[in-house]
Amino acid sequence: MEEAQPAPALSGQIAQLERLDGSLIERMRHEALTAPAPWKAEYGQFQSGGWWTTSLMNASGDAADVRIGDCTAGPTALLQHMPATAGLLDELGLSYMWVRLARLEANAFLWEHRDYDELDQVERHRLHIPLHTNSSAFLVTGGTKVHMAGGRIWRLTPTYAHGVCNLLGPDRIHLIADVYADDAFTRLARHADAPAAAEALPQASEAELAERLAAAHRLADLGYIDAAEGLLLRLFYSFALPEGTVYDLISQMHTALGDTETSNRWAAAKSQLLALVS
């Protein structure tokens, strides 16, 4: 299995771009909370449950079409109910591949993964505009937790392993725009700041990982398999771990339980979610 390439400095993985007018953000937040959005649960293998998306721009015009792909995106019917949001997207003048609203409920997680591997190999970027958030909602990338605060456009490089959680709520709602590289994006990204709210996660000792693995094994022995797997998956949000460690631990647990099939399934999930190649 090919090893992952070292990640760049944090600013290469996530950065703050332009500030946005507070009254505009408030209008966009109101639209996101009140528009008749057909929220869909998609990418189930990436999440714990509680992560929902709906499309504002895509190829089909259907807001319920949320599995992203390369296209020249046009507005969906939902965007017609969101004039402030549509106005900002038009003003930015970017080459949109897909634009979504993403809602992450309390106690919900997007597991460690990479994006874009299944798409054409062209330069594209992901932008986030937080519309409704809280301090317990954060992204982890490169062993660092980052709260994506409101009021700014954020640039995320999702080809590096990352995950998102919302521990306490309320719901975190972001506008997410996947865009192709062009002059408009270059101008937008020209002045990028390092994240203001970033915290390096502690390293986990072998003893700590062994203790968590043993606790998961005890849960699994009692029949709580999902809880055992969730306990290990959540380690990604507490410790700076080598890439894919949580998936290796789950595989080890199932091997110890004598369930080779499930162990192999989690090993395959690691390769899929982290876009590793053999």
Protein backbone atom coordinates (compact mmCIF):
# COMPACT_ATOMS: atom_id res chain seq x y z
CA MET A 1 0.00 0.00 0.00
CA GLU A 2 1.35 3.38 -0.97
CA GLU A 3 2.10 5.69 1.95
CA ALA A 4 0.32 9.04 2.16
CA GLN A 5 2.39 12.07 1.25
CA PRO A 6 3.32 14.41 4.11
CA ALA A 7 0.77 17.17 4.59
CA PRO A 8 1.82 20.79 4.09
CA ALA A 9 1.75 23.42 6.82
CA LEU A 10 -1.70 24.04 8.28
CA SER A 11 -2.26 27.09 6.08
CA GLY A 12 -1.90 24.83 3.05
CA GLN A 13 -4.74 22.66 4.35
CA ILE A 14 -7.12 25.33 5.63
CA ALA A 15 -7.07 29.13 5.56
CA GLN A 16 -9.32 32.15 6.07
CA LEU A 17 -9.99 34.29 3.01
CA GLU A 18 -12.24 37.34 2.61
CA ARG A 19 -14.38 38.82 5.35
CA LEU A 20 -18.07 39.04 4.58
CA ASP A 21 -20.58 41.68 5.63
CA GLY A 22 -22.31 40.66 8.85
CA SER A 23 -25.77 41.68 7.66
CA LEU A 24 -25.30 39.59 4.51
CA ILE A 25 -24.32 36.55 6.59
CA GLU A 26 -27.40 37.07 8.74
CA ARG A 27 -29.67 37.13 5.67
CA MET A 28 -27.96 34.01 4.31
CA ARG A 29 -28.34 32.28 7.68
CA HIS A 30 -32.06 33.08 7.71
CA GLU A 31 -32.41 31.70 4.18
CA ALA A 32 -30.56 28.49 5.12
CA LEU A 33 -32.77 27.96 8.16
CA THR A 34 -36.11 28.70 6.47
CA ALA A 35 -35.82 27.71 2.78
CA PRO A 36 -37.71 24.52 1.77
CA ALA A 37 -34.56 22.40 1.52
CA PRO A 38 -34.81 18.68 0.69
CA TRP A 39 -32.04 17.60 3.09
CA LYS A 40 -30.44 14.28 2.11
CA ALA A 41 -28.19 11.88 4.02
CA GLU A 42 -25.46 10.87 1.59
CA TYR A 43 -21.95 9.41 1.81
CA GLY A 44 -23.05 7.15 4.65
CA GLN A 45 -19.66 5.46 4.84
CA PHE A 46 -18.11 8.78 5.83
CA GLN A 47 -20.30 9.60 8.82
CA SER A 48 -21.90 8.64 12.11
CA GLY A 49 -25.30 9.91 11.01
CA GLY A 50 -26.54 13.46 11.48
CA TRP A 51 -24.83 14.93 8.40
CA TRP A 52 -27.24 16.26 5.77
CA THR A 53 -26.76 18.15 2.51
CA THR A 54 -28.87 19.88 -0.12
CA SER A 55 -27.70 21.41 -3.39
CA LEU A 56 -27.85 25.05 -4.45
CA MET A 57 -25.95 24.59 -7.74
CA ASN A 58 -25.34 21.38 -9.66
CA ALA A 59 -25.77 19.83 -13.11
CA SER A 60 -29.36 18.63 -12.75
CA GLY A 61 -31.08 21.58 -11.11
CA ASP A 62 -32.47 19.19 -8.46
CA ALA A 63 -31.63 20.24 -4.91
CA ALA A 64 -31.97 16.62 -3.77
CA ASP A 65 -29.12 15.61 -6.11
CA VAL A 66 -26.21 15.85 -3.68
CA ARG A 67 -23.53 13.36 -4.81
CA ILE A 68 -20.96 15.72 -6.29
CA GLY A 69 -19.32 15.27 -9.67
CA ASP A 70 -17.56 17.30 -12.31
CA CYS A 71 -19.93 19.60 -14.18
CA THR A 72 -20.71 23.18 -15.09
CA ALA A 73 -23.12 23.91 -12.26
CA GLY A 74 -26.34 25.86 -12.62
CA PRO A 75 -28.81 26.96 -9.94
CA THR A 76 -31.26 24.51 -8.42
CA ALA A 77 -34.86 25.38 -7.63
CA LEU A 78 -33.87 25.79 -3.98
CA LEU A 79 -31.52 28.69 -4.77
CA GLN A 80 -34.50 30.64 -6.13
CA HIS A 81 -35.74 30.85 -2.53
CA MET A 82 -32.41 32.28 -1.35
CA PRO A 83 -31.80 35.66 -3.05
CA ALA A 84 -29.07 36.87 -0.68
CA THR A 85 -27.13 33.63 -1.13
CA ALA A 86 -27.62 33.70 -4.90
CA GLY A 87 -26.41 37.30 -4.96
CA LEU A 88 -23.16 36.47 -3.18
CA LEU A 89 -22.47 33.47 -5.41
CA ASP A 90 -23.01 35.65 -8.46
CA GLU A 91 -20.83 38.45 -7.06
CA LEU A 92 -17.93 36.08 -6.39
CA GLY A 93 -17.97 35.14 -10.08
CA LEU A 94 -16.36 31.73 -9.54
CA SER A 95 -16.46 28.69 -11.81
CA TYR A 96 -18.74 26.48 -9.71
CA MET A 97 -18.56 22.71 -9.84
CA TRP A 98 -21.14 22.20 -7.07
CA VAL A 99 -22.63 24.32 -4.26
CA ARG A 100 -24.33 22.79 -1.24
CA LEU A 101 -25.66 23.56 2.18
CA ALA A 102 -24.30 21.07 4.72
CA ARG A 103 -25.92 20.57 8.13
CA LEU A 104 -24.13 18.69 10.92
CA GLU A 105 -26.27 17.85 13.95
CA ALA A 106 -25.14 17.72 17.56
CA ASN A 107 -23.05 14.64 18.45
CA ALA A 108 -22.43 13.93 14.76
CA PHE A 109 -19.14 13.12 13.04
CA LEU A 110 -17.72 12.93 9.55
CA TRP A 111 -15.03 10.26 9.81
CA GLU A 112 -11.45 10.73 8.66
CA HIS A 113 -11.40 10.81 4.86
CA ARG A 114 -10.16 12.49 1.70
CA ASP A 115 -12.26 13.99 -1.11
CA TYR A 116 -12.02 14.39 -4.88
CA ASP A 117 -10.17 11.12 -5.60
CA GLU A 118 -13.03 9.85 -7.79
CA LEU A 119 -13.16 13.06 -9.85
CA ASP A 120 -11.22 14.24 -12.89
CA GLN A 121 -7.66 15.27 -12.15
CA VAL A 122 -8.09 19.00 -12.62
CA GLU A 123 -7.37 21.78 -10.14
CA ARG A 124 -10.35 22.51 -7.93
CA HIS A 125 -10.83 24.00 -4.48
CA ARG A 126 -13.39 23.85 -1.69
CA LEU A 127 -14.77 26.96 -0.03
CA HIS A 128 -16.75 27.05 3.21
CA ILE A 129 -18.96 29.88 4.45
CA PRO A 130 -20.13 29.17 8.01
CA LEU A 131 -23.73 30.33 8.43
CA HIS A 132 -24.74 28.76 11.75
CA THR A 133 -22.13 27.29 14.06
CA ASN A 134 -20.90 26.85 17.62
CA SER A 135 -17.54 26.48 19.35
CA SER A 136 -17.91 22.69 19.79
CA ALA A 137 -18.03 22.22 16.01
CA PHE A 138 -14.59 21.80 14.54
CA LEU A 139 -12.59 20.29 11.72
CA VAL A 140 -9.48 18.16 12.27
CA THR A 141 -6.73 18.18 9.66
CA GLY A 142 -3.05 17.44 10.09
CA GLY A 143 -3.50 16.65 13.80
CA THR A 144 -4.95 20.12 14.47
CA LYS A 145 -8.51 21.06 15.38
CA VAL A 146 -9.86 24.21 13.75
CA HIS A 147 -13.13 25.95 14.53
CA MET A 148 -14.33 27.57 11.32
CA ALA A 149 -15.80 30.76 12.72
CA GLY A 150 -18.41 32.83 10.94
CA GLY A 151 -17.84 36.02 9.03
CA ARG A 152 -15.20 34.73 6.62
CA ILE A 153 -14.86 32.60 3.52
CA TRP A 154 -12.66 29.59 4.29
CA ARG A 155 -10.55 27.56 1.88
CA LEU A 156 -10.19 23.86 2.64
CA THR A 157 -7.91 21.48 0.77
CA PRO A 158 -9.92 18.24 1.16
CA THR A 159 -7.35 16.05 -0.59
CA TYR A 160 -5.61 15.88 2.81
CA ALA A 161 -7.15 13.57 5.41
CA HIS A 162 -9.67 15.43 7.52
CA GLY A 163 -12.85 14.99 9.54
CA VAL A 164 -15.51 17.16 11.14
CA CYS A 165 -17.52 16.92 14.32
CA ASN A 166 -20.21 18.85 16.18
CA LEU A 167 -20.02 17.76 19.79
CA LEU A 168 -22.73 19.75 21.57
CA GLY A 169 -24.79 21.66 19.02
CA PRO A 170 -26.75 23.51 17.85
CA ASP A 171 -26.60 22.36 14.25
CA ARG A 172 -23.63 23.55 12.22
CA ILE A 173 -24.70 24.80 8.78
CA HIS A 174 -22.12 25.73 6.14
CA LEU A 175 -22.41 26.76 2.53
CA ILE A 176 -19.85 24.60 0.70
CA ALA A 177 -18.76 25.56 -2.82
CA ASP A 178 -16.51 23.33 -4.90
CA VAL A 179 -14.95 25.51 -7.58
CA TYR A 180 -12.52 25.14 -10.45
CA ALA A 181 -9.27 27.10 -10.46
CA ASP A 182 -9.51 30.29 -12.52
CA ASP A 183 -8.61 33.97 -12.28
CA ALA A 184 -11.56 34.73 -10.01
CA PHE A 185 -10.46 32.08 -7.54
CA THR A 186 -6.85 33.29 -7.68
CA ARG A 187 -8.00 36.80 -6.78
CA LEU A 188 -10.19 35.52 -3.94
CA ALA A 189 -7.42 33.33 -2.49
CA ARG A 190 -4.63 35.87 -2.90
CA HIS A 191 -4.85 37.08 0.70
CA ALA A 192 -5.16 34.06 2.97
CA ASP A 193 -4.75 34.08 6.74
CA ALA A 194 -3.88 31.18 9.01
CA PRO A 195 -6.84 29.95 11.09
CA ALA A 196 -7.33 32.10 14.18
CA ALA A 197 -8.82 29.29 16.29
CA ALA A 198 -6.46 26.34 15.81
CA GLU A 199 -5.30 23.91 18.49
CA ALA A 200 -2.76 21.12 18.05
CA LEU A 201 -4.15 17.85 19.36
CA PRO A 202 -1.99 15.87 21.81
CA GLN A 203 -0.04 12.83 20.69
CA ALA A 204 -1.47 9.53 21.89
CA SER A 205 0.87 7.17 23.72
CA GLU A 206 0.88 3.46 22.97
CA ALA A 207 -0.56 2.90 26.44
CA GLU A 208 -3.48 5.27 25.78
CA LEU A 209 -4.30 3.61 22.48
CA ALA A 210 -4.06 0.16 24.06
CA GLU A 211 -6.43 1.28 26.83
CA ARG A 212 -8.99 2.62 24.31
CA LEU A 213 -8.69 -0.54 22.22
CA ALA A 214 -9.29 -2.68 25.30
CA ALA A 215 -12.35 -0.58 26.23
CA ALA A 216 -13.72 -1.01 22.71
CA HIS A 217 -13.09 -4.76 22.91
CA ARG A 218 -15.11 -4.92 26.15
CA LEU A 219 -18.03 -3.12 24.51
CA ALA A 220 -17.88 -5.47 21.53
CA ASP A 221 -17.81 -8.50 23.82
CA LEU A 222 -21.10 -7.24 25.30
CA GLY A 223 -22.59 -7.00 21.82
CA TYR A 224 -22.25 -3.24 21.37
CA ILE A 225 -20.31 -3.41 18.12
CA ASP A 226 -21.37 0.00 16.78
CA ALA A 227 -20.47 1.68 20.07
CA ALA A 228 -17.09 -0.05 20.10
CA GLU A 229 -16.32 1.11 16.56
CA GLY A 230 -17.55 4.62 17.36
CA LEU A 231 -15.30 4.84 20.40
CA LEU A 232 -12.28 4.14 18.21
CA LEU A 233 -13.37 6.36 15.32
CA ARG A 234 -13.74 9.31 17.70
CA LEU A 235 -10.06 9.08 18.68
CA PHE A 236 -9.33 11.07 15.50
CA TYR A 237 -10.91 14.12 17.19
CA SER A 238 -8.97 13.75 20.47
CA PHE A 239 -5.43 12.85 19.41
CA ALA A 240 -2.96 13.61 16.63
CA LEU A 241 -2.65 10.16 15.08
CA PRO A 242 -0.81 8.73 12.09
CA GLU A 243 -3.14 8.64 9.12
CA GLY A 244 -5.65 5.78 9.20
CA THR A 245 -4.84 4.72 12.77
CA VAL A 246 -8.49 4.56 13.82
CA TYR A 247 -9.30 2.18 10.97
CA ASP A 248 -6.30 -0.01 11.86
CA LEU A 249 -7.49 -0.19 15.47
CA ILE A 250 -10.97 -1.25 14.43
CA SER A 251 -9.52 -3.94 12.18
CA GLN A 252 -7.34 -5.15 15.06
CA MET A 253 -10.36 -5.31 17.35
CA HIS A 254 -12.34 -7.46 14.92
CA THR A 255 -9.34 -9.69 14.30
CA ALA A 256 -9.08 -10.25 18.07
CA LEU A 257 -12.80 -11.03 18.12
CA GLY A 258 -12.23 -13.68 15.46
CA ASP A 259 -14.23 -11.79 12.82
CA THR A 260 -11.84 -11.77 9.86
CA GLU A 261 -14.51 -10.68 7.38
CA THR A 262 -15.32 -7.48 9.29
CA SER A 263 -11.65 -6.84 9.91
CA ASN A 264 -11.01 -7.00 6.17
CA ARG A 265 -14.00 -4.77 5.51
CA TRP A 266 -12.56 -2.04 7.72
CA ALA A 267 -9.15 -2.40 6.08
CA ALA A 268 -10.88 -1.87 2.73
CA ALA A 269 -12.78 1.12 4.15
CA LYS A 270 -9.47 2.69 5.15
CA SER A 271 -8.22 2.40 1.58
CA GLN A 272 -11.45 3.80 0.18
CA LEU A 273 -11.91 6.70 2.60
CA LEU A 274 -8.29 7.77 2.48
CA ALA A 275 -7.92 7.16 -1.26
CA LEU A 276 -4.89 4.92 -0.87
CA VAL A 277 -3.65 2.99 -3.90
CA SER A 278 -2.00 -0.41 -4.00
